[in-house]
Amino acid sequence: MRILLVEDDPLLGDGLRAGLRQHGFQVDWVRDGAAAERELRAEPYAAAVLDLGLPRRDGMDVLAEVRAAGVKFPILVLTARDAVPDRIRGLDLGADDYVVKPVDLDELAARLRALVRRAHGQPSERLRAQDVELDPAARQVTQRGEPVQLATREFDLLQLLMLNAGRVLTREQLEQQLYPWGREVDSNAIEVHVHHLRRKLGAGLIQTVRGVGYALLRDPPAADRA
């Protein structure tokens, strides 16, 4: 999942980016409020982590502006401002969560996973489709109870498709969520990952919608149920 990190402190930002990457997130990092507003408006992130005390533009103003502009994906405020009025204002302006620094990286990752899951209407921690179960926290996949070994990008693609089960995602949408800034992507990268997932999990899990993209089928195809 691709997220935006907004943090002006270089040491903290570097640590957060490295830690969140270890938890499986693709992290783009900006360091001021003006850049944050620009990226939040322009890019379809799975979620964002937003500091408030930012140069060029305060994080509260950024939050208010992007919500007014219709940005709907989850935004977690991570800040040193611990006063109750600040928390109330942040939540009222549209923050989905408000966390006071310092924060444990495992907790931050868990909060982000929960926000993304709920944004996609997934109430359970583990994602399920047909006979496949995916555990985002442990980054493990099982099929009929047996573990399935997936490469990192295969896992990320499967998680994205399971979060959007039944919805067709274009190749461009998949690439936007799977790869951070500046990453050169082979023209057939998504097709290759889909091929590997089908080989490991069966052909009936991911449907190709010709000329559009891919969709994960929550239930087996009708022919397989007959």
C-alpha atoms as a PDB file:
ATOM      1  CA  MET A   1       0.000   0.000   0.000  1.00  0.00           C
ATOM      2  CA  ARG A   2       1.291   3.406  -0.966  1.00  0.00           C
ATOM      3  CA  ILE A   3       1.072   6.118   1.671  1.00  0.00           C
ATOM      4  CA  LEU A   4       2.198   9.736   2.000  1.00  0.00           C
ATOM      5  CA  LEU A   5       4.351  10.725   4.976  1.00  0.00           C
ATOM      6  CA  VAL A   6       4.365  14.435   5.847  1.00  0.00           C
ATOM      7  CA  GLU A   7       7.116  15.203   8.377  1.00  0.00           C
ATOM      8  CA  ASP A   8       9.583  18.098   8.441  1.00  0.00           C
ATOM      9  CA  ASP A   9      12.053  16.608  10.935  1.00  0.00           C
ATOM     10  CA  PRO A  10      14.659  14.790   8.786  1.00  0.00           C
ATOM     11  CA  LEU A  11      15.732  12.257  11.409  1.00  0.00           C
ATOM     12  CA  LEU A  12      12.200  11.366  12.453  1.00  0.00           C
ATOM     13  CA  GLY A  13      10.967  11.306   8.875  1.00  0.00           C
ATOM     14  CA  ASP A  14      13.773   9.008   7.779  1.00  0.00           C
ATOM     15  CA  GLY A  15      13.084   6.667  10.689  1.00  0.00           C
ATOM     16  CA  LEU A  16       9.340   6.604  10.049  1.00  0.00           C
ATOM     17  CA  ARG A  17       9.832   5.960   6.345  1.00  0.00           C
ATOM     18  CA  ALA A  18      12.277   3.117   6.978  1.00  0.00           C
ATOM     19  CA  GLY A  19      10.088   1.585   9.678  1.00  0.00           C
ATOM     20  CA  LEU A  20       6.881   1.759   7.651  1.00  0.00           C
ATOM     21  CA  ARG A  21       8.651   0.226   4.678  1.00  0.00           C
ATOM     22  CA  GLN A  22       9.592  -2.713   6.884  1.00  0.00           C
ATOM     23  CA  HIS A  23       5.881  -3.119   7.591  1.00  0.00           C
ATOM     24  CA  GLY A  24       5.156  -3.387   3.875  1.00  0.00           C
ATOM     25  CA  PHE A  25       4.134   0.175   3.030  1.00  0.00           C
ATOM     26  CA  GLN A  26       5.394   2.054  -0.014  1.00  0.00           C
ATOM     27  CA  VAL A  27       6.211   5.501   1.416  1.00  0.00           C
ATOM     28  CA  ASP A  28       6.437   8.861  -0.342  1.00  0.00           C
ATOM     29  CA  TRP A  29       7.813  11.586   1.947  1.00  0.00           C
ATOM     30  CA  VAL A  30       7.341  15.363   1.821  1.00  0.00           C
ATOM     31  CA  ARG A  31       8.585  17.881   4.378  1.00  0.00           C
ATOM     32  CA  ASP A  32       6.351  20.966   4.245  1.00  0.00           C
ATOM     33  CA  GLY A  33       2.690  21.892   4.205  1.00  0.00           C
ATOM     34  CA  ALA A  34       2.565  23.241   0.671  1.00  0.00           C
ATOM     35  CA  ALA A  35       4.036  20.030  -0.770  1.00  0.00           C
ATOM     36  CA  ALA A  36       1.693  17.994   1.414  1.00  0.00           C
ATOM     37  CA  GLU A  37      -1.398  19.757   0.101  1.00  0.00           C
ATOM     38  CA  ARG A  38      -0.221  19.359  -3.491  1.00  0.00           C
ATOM     39  CA  GLU A  39       0.438  15.626  -3.159  1.00  0.00           C
ATOM     40  CA  LEU A  40      -2.695  14.883  -1.140  1.00  0.00           C
ATOM     41  CA  ARG A  41      -4.805  16.511  -3.846  1.00  0.00           C
ATOM     42  CA  ALA A  42      -2.984  14.892  -6.760  1.00  0.00           C
ATOM     43  CA  GLU A  43      -2.216  11.315  -5.776  1.00  0.00           C
ATOM     44  CA  PRO A  44      -4.573   8.433  -4.858  1.00  0.00           C
ATOM     45  CA  TYR A  45      -2.811   7.256  -1.704  1.00  0.00           C
ATOM     46  CA  ALA A  46      -4.129   4.442   0.462  1.00  0.00           C
ATOM     47  CA  ALA A  47      -3.558   6.711   3.490  1.00  0.00           C
ATOM     48  CA  ALA A  48      -1.445   9.600   4.767  1.00  0.00           C
ATOM     49  CA  VAL A  49       0.472  10.376   7.964  1.00  0.00           C
ATOM     50  CA  LEU A  50       0.336  14.129   8.572  1.00  0.00           C
ATOM     51  CA  ASP A  51       2.416  16.205  10.992  1.00  0.00           C
ATOM     52  CA  LEU A  52       0.876  19.513  12.057  1.00  0.00           C
ATOM     53  CA  GLY A  53       3.843  21.762  12.834  1.00  0.00           C
ATOM     54  CA  LEU A  54       5.036  22.169   9.253  1.00  0.00           C
ATOM     55  CA  PRO A  55       6.930  24.905   7.398  1.00  0.00           C
ATOM     56  CA  ARG A  56       5.157  26.891   4.668  1.00  0.00           C
ATOM     57  CA  ARG A  57       1.687  25.776   5.790  1.00  0.00           C
ATOM     58  CA  ASP A  58       0.283  24.450   9.061  1.00  0.00           C
ATOM     59  CA  GLY A  59      -0.946  20.874   8.999  1.00  0.00           C
ATOM     60  CA  MET A  60      -4.388  21.840  10.317  1.00  0.00           C
ATOM     61  CA  ASP A  61      -4.885  24.155   7.348  1.00  0.00           C
ATOM     62  CA  VAL A  62      -3.699  21.428   4.971  1.00  0.00           C
ATOM     63  CA  LEU A  63      -6.152  18.967   6.503  1.00  0.00           C
ATOM     64  CA  ALA A  64      -9.058  21.394   6.190  1.00  0.00           C
ATOM     65  CA  GLU A  65      -8.206  22.264   2.581  1.00  0.00           C
ATOM     66  CA  VAL A  66      -7.844  18.734   1.265  1.00  0.00           C
ATOM     67  CA  ARG A  67     -11.034  17.556   2.944  1.00  0.00           C
ATOM     68  CA  ALA A  68     -12.884  20.547   1.476  1.00  0.00           C
ATOM     69  CA  ALA A  69     -11.436  19.582  -1.912  1.00  0.00           C
ATOM     70  CA  GLY A  70     -12.945  16.096  -1.627  1.00  0.00           C
ATOM     71  CA  VAL A  71      -9.913  14.024  -0.643  1.00  0.00           C
ATOM     72  CA  LYS A  72     -11.453  10.972   1.026  1.00  0.00           C
ATOM     73  CA  PHE A  73      -8.676   8.511   1.824  1.00  0.00           C
ATOM     74  CA  PRO A  74      -7.676   8.097   5.502  1.00  0.00           C
ATOM     75  CA  ILE A  75      -5.433  10.726   7.097  1.00  0.00           C
ATOM     76  CA  LEU A  76      -3.705   9.978  10.393  1.00  0.00           C
ATOM     77  CA  VAL A  77      -2.412  13.018  12.255  1.00  0.00           C
ATOM     78  CA  LEU A  78       0.926  12.365  13.990  1.00  0.00           C
ATOM     79  CA  THR A  79       1.976  15.367  16.053  1.00  0.00           C
ATOM     80  CA  ALA A  80       3.508  16.665  19.255  1.00  0.00           C
ATOM     81  CA  ARG A  81       0.385  18.762  19.910  1.00  0.00           C
ATOM     82  CA  ASP A  82      -1.222  16.820  22.728  1.00  0.00           C
ATOM     83  CA  ALA A  83      -3.736  19.361  24.052  1.00  0.00           C
ATOM     84  CA  VAL A  84      -7.332  18.155  24.009  1.00  0.00           C
ATOM     85  CA  PRO A  85      -8.563  21.166  21.962  1.00  0.00           C
ATOM     86  CA  ASP A  86      -5.991  20.341  19.267  1.00  0.00           C
ATOM     87  CA  ARG A  87      -7.157  16.726  19.164  1.00  0.00           C
ATOM     88  CA  ILE A  88     -10.788  17.769  18.897  1.00  0.00           C
ATOM     89  CA  ARG A  89     -10.052  20.279  16.143  1.00  0.00           C
ATOM     90  CA  GLY A  90      -7.988  17.787  14.172  1.00  0.00           C
ATOM     91  CA  LEU A  91     -10.702  15.158  14.292  1.00  0.00           C
ATOM     92  CA  ASP A  92     -13.413  17.679  13.474  1.00  0.00           C
ATOM     93  CA  LEU A  93     -11.444  18.883  10.442  1.00  0.00           C
ATOM     94  CA  GLY A  94     -11.390  15.364   9.037  1.00  0.00           C
ATOM     95  CA  ALA A  95      -8.542  13.389  10.585  1.00  0.00           C
ATOM     96  CA  ASP A  96      -9.386   9.694  10.831  1.00  0.00           C
ATOM     97  CA  ASP A  97      -6.997   9.199  13.742  1.00  0.00           C
ATOM     98  CA  TYR A  98      -4.917  11.479  15.974  1.00  0.00           C
ATOM     99  CA  VAL A  99      -1.694  10.127  17.471  1.00  0.00           C
ATOM    100  CA  VAL A 100       0.702  12.023  19.734  1.00  0.00           C
ATOM    101  CA  LYS A 101       4.474  11.668  19.300  1.00  0.00           C
ATOM    102  CA  PRO A 102       6.455   9.652  20.136  1.00  0.00           C
ATOM    103  CA  VAL A 103       4.712   6.615  18.682  1.00  0.00           C
ATOM    104  CA  ASP A 104       5.641   2.958  18.524  1.00  0.00           C
ATOM    105  CA  LEU A 105       6.155   1.953  14.893  1.00  0.00           C
ATOM    106  CA  ASP A 106       4.249  -1.312  15.305  1.00  0.00           C
ATOM    107  CA  GLU A 107       1.280   0.628  16.663  1.00  0.00           C
ATOM    108  CA  LEU A 108       1.466   3.210  13.877  1.00  0.00           C
ATOM    109  CA  ALA A 109       1.515   0.478  11.245  1.00  0.00           C
ATOM    110  CA  ALA A 110      -1.443  -1.270  12.907  1.00  0.00           C
ATOM    111  CA  ARG A 111      -3.432   1.973  12.989  1.00  0.00           C
ATOM    112  CA  LEU A 112      -2.731   2.572   9.294  1.00  0.00           C
ATOM    113  CA  ARG A 113      -3.765  -0.964   8.368  1.00  0.00           C
ATOM    114  CA  ALA A 114      -7.001  -0.526  10.320  1.00  0.00           C
ATOM    115  CA  LEU A 115      -7.768   2.805   8.644  1.00  0.00           C
ATOM    116  CA  VAL A 116      -7.168   1.404   5.170  1.00  0.00           C
ATOM    117  CA  ARG A 117      -9.195  -1.712   5.931  1.00  0.00           C
ATOM    118  CA  ARG A 118     -12.176   0.291   7.183  1.00  0.00           C
ATOM    119  CA  ALA A 119     -11.971   2.682   4.247  1.00  0.00           C
ATOM    120  CA  HIS A 120     -12.534  -0.339   2.003  1.00  0.00           C
ATOM    121  CA  GLY A 121     -15.400  -1.695   4.108  1.00  0.00           C
ATOM    122  CA  GLN A 122     -13.362  -4.577   5.514  1.00  0.00           C
ATOM    123  CA  PRO A 123     -14.262  -5.044   9.196  1.00  0.00           C
ATOM    124  CA  SER A 124     -11.996  -8.038   9.831  1.00  0.00           C
ATOM    125  CA  GLU A 125      -8.254  -7.867  10.358  1.00  0.00           C
ATOM    126  CA  ARG A 126      -7.715 -10.775   7.973  1.00  0.00           C
ATOM    127  CA  LEU A 127      -8.867 -10.597   4.367  1.00  0.00           C
ATOM    128  CA  ARG A 128     -10.662 -13.582   2.851  1.00  0.00           C
ATOM    129  CA  ALA A 129     -11.727 -14.509  -0.664  1.00  0.00           C
ATOM    130  CA  GLN A 130     -12.711 -17.980  -1.838  1.00  0.00           C
ATOM    131  CA  ASP A 131     -10.298 -20.351  -0.056  1.00  0.00           C
ATOM    132  CA  VAL A 132      -7.541 -17.752   0.395  1.00  0.00           C
ATOM    133  CA  GLU A 133      -6.830 -15.832   3.619  1.00  0.00           C
ATOM    134  CA  LEU A 134      -4.379 -12.942   3.908  1.00  0.00           C
ATOM    135  CA  ASP A 135      -2.980 -11.617   7.188  1.00  0.00           C
ATOM    136  CA  PRO A 136      -1.696  -8.046   6.595  1.00  0.00           C
ATOM    137  CA  ALA A 137       0.058  -7.780   9.962  1.00  0.00           C
ATOM    138  CA  ALA A 138       2.016 -11.019   9.635  1.00  0.00           C
ATOM    139  CA  ARG A 139       2.246 -10.653   5.842  1.00  0.00           C
ATOM    140  CA  GLN A 140       1.209 -14.260   5.419  1.00  0.00           C
ATOM    141  CA  VAL A 141      -1.134 -15.955   2.961  1.00  0.00           C
ATOM    142  CA  THR A 142      -2.805 -19.332   3.369  1.00  0.00           C
ATOM    143  CA  GLN A 143      -4.988 -21.358   1.023  1.00  0.00           C
ATOM    144  CA  ARG A 144      -7.240 -23.976   2.587  1.00  0.00           C
ATOM    145  CA  GLY A 145      -5.169 -23.526   5.726  1.00  0.00           C
ATOM    146  CA  GLU A 146      -1.832 -24.200   4.038  1.00  0.00           C
ATOM    147  CA  PRO A 147       0.821 -21.451   3.791  1.00  0.00           C
ATOM    148  CA  VAL A 148       1.560 -20.015   0.362  1.00  0.00           C
ATOM    149  CA  GLN A 149       4.907 -18.338  -0.254  1.00  0.00           C
ATOM    150  CA  LEU A 150       4.592 -15.073  -2.147  1.00  0.00           C
ATOM    151  CA  ALA A 151       7.204 -12.560  -3.207  1.00  0.00           C
ATOM    152  CA  THR A 152       6.868  -9.100  -1.662  1.00  0.00           C
ATOM    153  CA  ARG A 153       5.249  -7.495  -4.708  1.00  0.00           C
ATOM    154  CA  GLU A 154       2.944 -10.482  -5.210  1.00  0.00           C
ATOM    155  CA  PHE A 155       1.733 -10.132  -1.619  1.00  0.00           C
ATOM    156  CA  ASP A 156       1.178  -6.388  -2.043  1.00  0.00           C
ATOM    157  CA  LEU A 157      -0.786  -6.904  -5.250  1.00  0.00           C
ATOM    158  CA  LEU A 158      -2.939  -9.632  -3.721  1.00  0.00           C
ATOM    159  CA  GLN A 159      -3.658  -7.463  -0.672  1.00  0.00           C
ATOM    160  CA  LEU A 160      -4.691  -4.560  -2.885  1.00  0.00           C
ATOM    161  CA  LEU A 161      -6.991  -6.750  -4.961  1.00  0.00           C
ATOM    162  CA  MET A 162      -8.530  -8.334  -1.842  1.00  0.00           C
ATOM    163  CA  LEU A 163      -9.198  -4.925  -0.296  1.00  0.00           C
ATOM    164  CA  ASN A 164     -11.073  -4.080  -3.504  1.00  0.00           C
ATOM    165  CA  ALA A 165     -12.674  -7.496  -4.055  1.00  0.00           C
ATOM    166  CA  GLY A 166     -15.259  -7.380  -6.842  1.00  0.00           C
ATOM    167  CA  ARG A 167     -14.013  -4.043  -8.168  1.00  0.00           C
ATOM    168  CA  VAL A 168     -12.054  -3.747 -11.401  1.00  0.00           C
ATOM    169  CA  LEU A 169      -8.705  -1.986 -10.979  1.00  0.00           C
ATOM    170  CA  THR A 170      -6.763  -0.739 -13.976  1.00  0.00           C
ATOM    171  CA  ARG A 171      -3.077  -1.424 -14.433  1.00  0.00           C
ATOM    172  CA  GLU A 172      -2.388   2.255 -13.781  1.00  0.00           C
ATOM    173  CA  GLN A 173      -4.308   2.149 -10.488  1.00  0.00           C
ATOM    174  CA  LEU A 174      -2.385  -0.939  -9.404  1.00  0.00           C
ATOM    175  CA  GLU A 175       0.965   0.599 -10.318  1.00  0.00           C
ATOM    176  CA  GLN A 176       0.110   3.797  -8.426  1.00  0.00           C
ATOM    177  CA  GLN A 177      -0.508   1.835  -5.231  1.00  0.00           C
ATOM    178  CA  LEU A 178       2.354  -0.630  -5.536  1.00  0.00           C
ATOM    179  CA  TYR A 179       5.273   1.615  -6.483  1.00  0.00           C
ATOM    180  CA  PRO A 180       6.575   4.816  -4.827  1.00  0.00           C
ATOM    181  CA  TRP A 181       7.940   7.912  -6.556  1.00  0.00           C
ATOM    182  CA  GLY A 182      10.834   7.477  -8.938  1.00  0.00           C
ATOM    183  CA  ARG A 183      10.488   3.719  -9.258  1.00  0.00           C
ATOM    184  CA  GLU A 184      10.824   2.591 -12.858  1.00  0.00           C
ATOM    185  CA  VAL A 185       8.131   0.029 -13.599  1.00  0.00           C
ATOM    186  CA  ASP A 186       8.373  -2.486 -16.427  1.00  0.00           C
ATOM    187  CA  SER A 187       5.456  -2.207 -18.830  1.00  0.00           C
ATOM    188  CA  ASN A 188       4.356  -5.787 -18.116  1.00  0.00           C
ATOM    189  CA  ALA A 189       5.161  -5.868 -14.373  1.00  0.00           C
ATOM    190  CA  ILE A 190       1.533  -6.162 -13.247  1.00  0.00           C
ATOM    191  CA  GLU A 191       0.807  -8.894 -15.775  1.00  0.00           C
ATOM    192  CA  VAL A 192       3.829 -10.870 -14.544  1.00  0.00           C
ATOM    193  CA  HIS A 193       2.735 -10.596 -10.905  1.00  0.00           C
ATOM    194  CA  VAL A 194      -0.821 -11.656 -11.798  1.00  0.00           C
ATOM    195  CA  HIS A 195       0.558 -14.644 -13.696  1.00  0.00           C
ATOM    196  CA  HIS A 196       2.574 -15.723 -10.647  1.00  0.00           C
ATOM    197  CA  LEU A 197      -0.424 -15.328  -8.328  1.00  0.00           C
ATOM    198  CA  ARG A 198      -2.580 -17.441 -10.615  1.00  0.00           C
ATOM    199  CA  ARG A 199       0.099 -20.110 -10.761  1.00  0.00           C
ATOM    200  CA  LYS A 200       0.333 -20.233  -6.958  1.00  0.00           C
ATOM    201  CA  LEU A 201      -3.331 -19.714  -6.011  1.00  0.00           C
ATOM    202  CA  GLY A 202      -5.284 -20.959  -9.018  1.00  0.00           C
ATOM    203  CA  ALA A 203      -6.674 -19.329 -12.135  1.00  0.00           C
ATOM    204  CA  GLY A 204     -10.138 -18.627 -10.733  1.00  0.00           C
ATOM    205  CA  LEU A 205      -9.177 -16.041  -8.117  1.00  0.00           C
ATOM    206  CA  ILE A 206      -8.213 -13.081 -10.335  1.00  0.00           C
ATOM    207  CA  GLN A 207     -10.315 -12.180 -13.349  1.00  0.00           C
ATOM    208  CA  THR A 208      -8.979 -10.275 -16.350  1.00  0.00           C
ATOM    209  CA  VAL A 209     -11.425  -7.668 -17.635  1.00  0.00           C
ATOM    210  CA  ARG A 210     -10.221  -7.231 -21.195  1.00  0.00           C
ATOM    211  CA  GLY A 211      -9.187  -3.697 -22.022  1.00  0.00           C
ATOM    212  CA  VAL A 212      -9.775  -2.505 -18.447  1.00  0.00           C
ATOM    213  CA  GLY A 213      -7.789  -4.346 -15.781  1.00  0.00           C
ATOM    214  CA  TYR A 214      -8.169  -6.980 -13.076  1.00  0.00           C
ATOM    215  CA  ALA A 215     -10.692  -7.907 -10.407  1.00  0.00           C
ATOM    216  CA  LEU A 216     -10.464 -10.375  -7.551  1.00  0.00           C
ATOM    217  CA  LEU A 217     -13.478 -12.683  -7.289  1.00  0.00           C
ATOM    218  CA  ARG A 218     -14.732 -13.049  -3.725  1.00  0.00           C
ATOM    219  CA  ASP A 219     -16.584 -16.253  -4.659  1.00  0.00           C
ATOM    220  CA  PRO A 220     -15.528 -19.007  -7.078  1.00  0.00           C
ATOM    221  CA  PRO A 221     -16.671 -18.653 -10.705  1.00  0.00           C
ATOM    222  CA  ALA A 222     -20.059 -20.223 -11.388  1.00  0.00           C
ATOM    223  CA  ALA A 223     -18.500 -23.001 -13.472  1.00  0.00           C
ATOM    224  CA  ASP A 224     -16.327 -24.018 -10.510  1.00  0.00           C
ATOM    225  CA  ARG A 225     -19.329 -24.136  -8.165  1.00  0.00           C
ATOM    226  CA  ALA A 226     -21.416 -26.319 -10.471  1.00  0.00           C
END
